[in-house]
Amino acid sequence: MSKHKPASFTPYFTQTDADQVRAAFLAAGQAEGYRSVTDLIEAAVMREVKRLQRKHNQGRKWDPVAPGALRPGRRTLEEEKNRAL
């Protein structure tokens, strides 16, 4: 987990995916050094962020984006349909 004061995010998973996250944590989390499901999720997300930085930002960190700058929640079904067009 980050050494800084944590910011709040709520990741959304399908029931099936959430079941697998919990199962992975219970089966291997301790052996892999994860103290909590949050630690597992944070590590996975930060690996992906670093991959995206390498691929799309010459390996550099992006400028920070303040809380509230992103729209909360998932896209609506209507938005997903329009995005697919």
C-alpha atoms as a PDB file:
ATOM      1  CA  MET A   1       0.000   0.000   0.000  1.00  0.00           C
ATOM      2  CA  SER A   2       1.120   3.570  -0.594  1.00  0.00           C
ATOM      3  CA  LYS A   3       3.240   5.180   2.061  1.00  0.00           C
ATOM      4  CA  HIS A   4       1.266   8.401   1.659  1.00  0.00           C
ATOM      5  CA  LYS A   5      -2.178   9.130   3.043  1.00  0.00           C
ATOM      6  CA  PRO A   6      -4.571   7.083   0.918  1.00  0.00           C
ATOM      7  CA  ALA A   7      -6.985   8.758  -1.464  1.00  0.00           C
ATOM      8  CA  SER A   8     -10.350   7.156  -1.926  1.00  0.00           C
ATOM      9  CA  PHE A   9     -11.417   5.220  -5.002  1.00  0.00           C
ATOM     10  CA  THR A  10     -14.131   2.651  -5.320  1.00  0.00           C
ATOM     11  CA  PRO A  11     -13.404   0.143  -8.057  1.00  0.00           C
ATOM     12  CA  TYR A  12     -16.434  -1.605  -9.487  1.00  0.00           C
ATOM     13  CA  PHE A  13     -16.296  -5.288 -10.392  1.00  0.00           C
ATOM     14  CA  THR A  14     -18.861  -7.696 -11.691  1.00  0.00           C
ATOM     15  CA  GLN A  15     -19.901 -10.247  -9.082  1.00  0.00           C
ATOM     16  CA  THR A  16     -17.881 -12.928 -10.883  1.00  0.00           C
ATOM     17  CA  ASP A  17     -14.747 -10.766 -10.990  1.00  0.00           C
ATOM     18  CA  ALA A  18     -15.144  -9.694  -7.345  1.00  0.00           C
ATOM     19  CA  ASP A  19     -15.465 -13.363  -6.362  1.00  0.00           C
ATOM     20  CA  GLN A  20     -12.190 -14.083  -8.170  1.00  0.00           C
ATOM     21  CA  VAL A  21     -10.382 -11.148  -6.558  1.00  0.00           C
ATOM     22  CA  ARG A  22     -11.396 -12.389  -3.104  1.00  0.00           C
ATOM     23  CA  ALA A  23     -10.496 -15.983  -4.007  1.00  0.00           C
ATOM     24  CA  ALA A  24      -7.060 -14.956  -5.323  1.00  0.00           C
ATOM     25  CA  PHE A  25      -6.401 -12.990  -2.160  1.00  0.00           C
ATOM     26  CA  LEU A  26      -7.430 -15.870   0.110  1.00  0.00           C
ATOM     27  CA  ALA A  27      -5.502 -18.458  -1.911  1.00  0.00           C
ATOM     28  CA  ALA A  28      -2.273 -16.573  -2.540  1.00  0.00           C
ATOM     29  CA  GLY A  29      -2.397 -13.099  -1.051  1.00  0.00           C
ATOM     30  CA  GLN A  30      -0.427 -13.851   2.085  1.00  0.00           C
ATOM     31  CA  ALA A  31       2.207 -15.851   0.188  1.00  0.00           C
ATOM     32  CA  GLU A  32       2.614 -12.908  -2.235  1.00  0.00           C
ATOM     33  CA  GLY A  33       2.909 -10.349   0.563  1.00  0.00           C
ATOM     34  CA  TYR A  34      -0.501  -8.701   0.287  1.00  0.00           C
ATOM     35  CA  ARG A  35      -1.951  -7.699   3.654  1.00  0.00           C
ATOM     36  CA  SER A  36      -5.391  -6.937   2.264  1.00  0.00           C
ATOM     37  CA  VAL A  37      -7.505  -7.069  -0.869  1.00  0.00           C
ATOM     38  CA  THR A  38      -6.871  -3.324  -1.151  1.00  0.00           C
ATOM     39  CA  ASP A  39      -3.113  -3.977  -1.296  1.00  0.00           C
ATOM     40  CA  LEU A  40      -3.663  -6.508  -4.101  1.00  0.00           C
ATOM     41  CA  ILE A  41      -5.888  -4.161  -6.099  1.00  0.00           C
ATOM     42  CA  GLU A  42      -3.552  -1.188  -5.593  1.00  0.00           C
ATOM     43  CA  ALA A  43      -0.514  -3.174  -6.761  1.00  0.00           C
ATOM     44  CA  ALA A  44      -2.347  -4.426  -9.856  1.00  0.00           C
ATOM     45  CA  VAL A  45      -3.620  -0.967 -10.775  1.00  0.00           C
ATOM     46  CA  MET A  46      -0.228   0.677 -10.279  1.00  0.00           C
ATOM     47  CA  ARG A  47       1.435  -1.940 -12.514  1.00  0.00           C
ATOM     48  CA  GLU A  48      -1.047  -1.012 -15.233  1.00  0.00           C
ATOM     49  CA  VAL A  49      -0.557   2.736 -14.664  1.00  0.00           C
ATOM     50  CA  LYS A  50       3.206   2.298 -15.058  1.00  0.00           C
ATOM     51  CA  ARG A  51       2.674   0.270 -18.240  1.00  0.00           C
ATOM     52  CA  LEU A  52       0.464   3.035 -19.646  1.00  0.00           C
ATOM     53  CA  GLN A  53       3.055   5.651 -18.703  1.00  0.00           C
ATOM     54  CA  ARG A  54       5.735   3.711 -20.570  1.00  0.00           C
ATOM     55  CA  LYS A  55       3.516   3.261 -23.605  1.00  0.00           C
ATOM     56  CA  HIS A  56       1.829   6.666 -23.817  1.00  0.00           C
ATOM     57  CA  ASN A  57       3.946   9.152 -21.847  1.00  0.00           C
ATOM     58  CA  GLN A  58       7.602   8.272 -22.503  1.00  0.00           C
ATOM     59  CA  GLY A  59       7.701   6.488 -19.137  1.00  0.00           C
ATOM     60  CA  ARG A  60       7.050   9.688 -17.198  1.00  0.00           C
ATOM     61  CA  LYS A  61       4.374  10.332 -14.618  1.00  0.00           C
ATOM     62  CA  TRP A  62       1.433  12.402 -15.797  1.00  0.00           C
ATOM     63  CA  ASP A  63       0.479  15.687 -14.202  1.00  0.00           C
ATOM     64  CA  PRO A  64      -1.807  15.003 -11.228  1.00  0.00           C
ATOM     65  CA  VAL A  65      -5.557  15.193 -11.697  1.00  0.00           C
ATOM     66  CA  ALA A  66      -7.458  16.561  -8.698  1.00  0.00           C
ATOM     67  CA  PRO A  67     -10.287  14.676  -7.010  1.00  0.00           C
ATOM     68  CA  GLY A  68     -13.616  15.599  -8.534  1.00  0.00           C
ATOM     69  CA  ALA A  69     -12.152  16.165 -12.011  1.00  0.00           C
ATOM     70  CA  LEU A  70     -13.433  12.816 -13.257  1.00  0.00           C
ATOM     71  CA  ARG A  71     -17.026  11.915 -13.568  1.00  0.00           C
ATOM     72  CA  PRO A  72     -18.035   9.448 -10.821  1.00  0.00           C
ATOM     73  CA  GLY A  73     -19.351   5.970 -11.477  1.00  0.00           C
ATOM     74  CA  ARG A  74     -19.691   3.844 -14.533  1.00  0.00           C
ATOM     75  CA  ARG A  75     -21.012   4.918 -17.889  1.00  0.00           C
ATOM     76  CA  THR A  76     -24.716   4.427 -18.419  1.00  0.00           C
ATOM     77  CA  LEU A  77     -25.939   1.791 -20.867  1.00  0.00           C
ATOM     78  CA  GLU A  78     -26.892   4.606 -23.250  1.00  0.00           C
ATOM     79  CA  GLU A  79     -23.373   6.035 -23.112  1.00  0.00           C
ATOM     80  CA  GLU A  80     -21.885   2.592 -23.755  1.00  0.00           C
ATOM     81  CA  LYS A  81     -24.154   2.139 -26.789  1.00  0.00           C
ATOM     82  CA  ASN A  82     -23.169   5.561 -28.194  1.00  0.00           C
ATOM     83  CA  ARG A  83     -19.480   4.838 -27.584  1.00  0.00           C
ATOM     84  CA  ALA A  84     -19.709   1.614 -29.589  1.00  0.00           C
ATOM     85  CA  LEU A  85     -20.980   3.505 -32.657  1.00  0.00           C
END
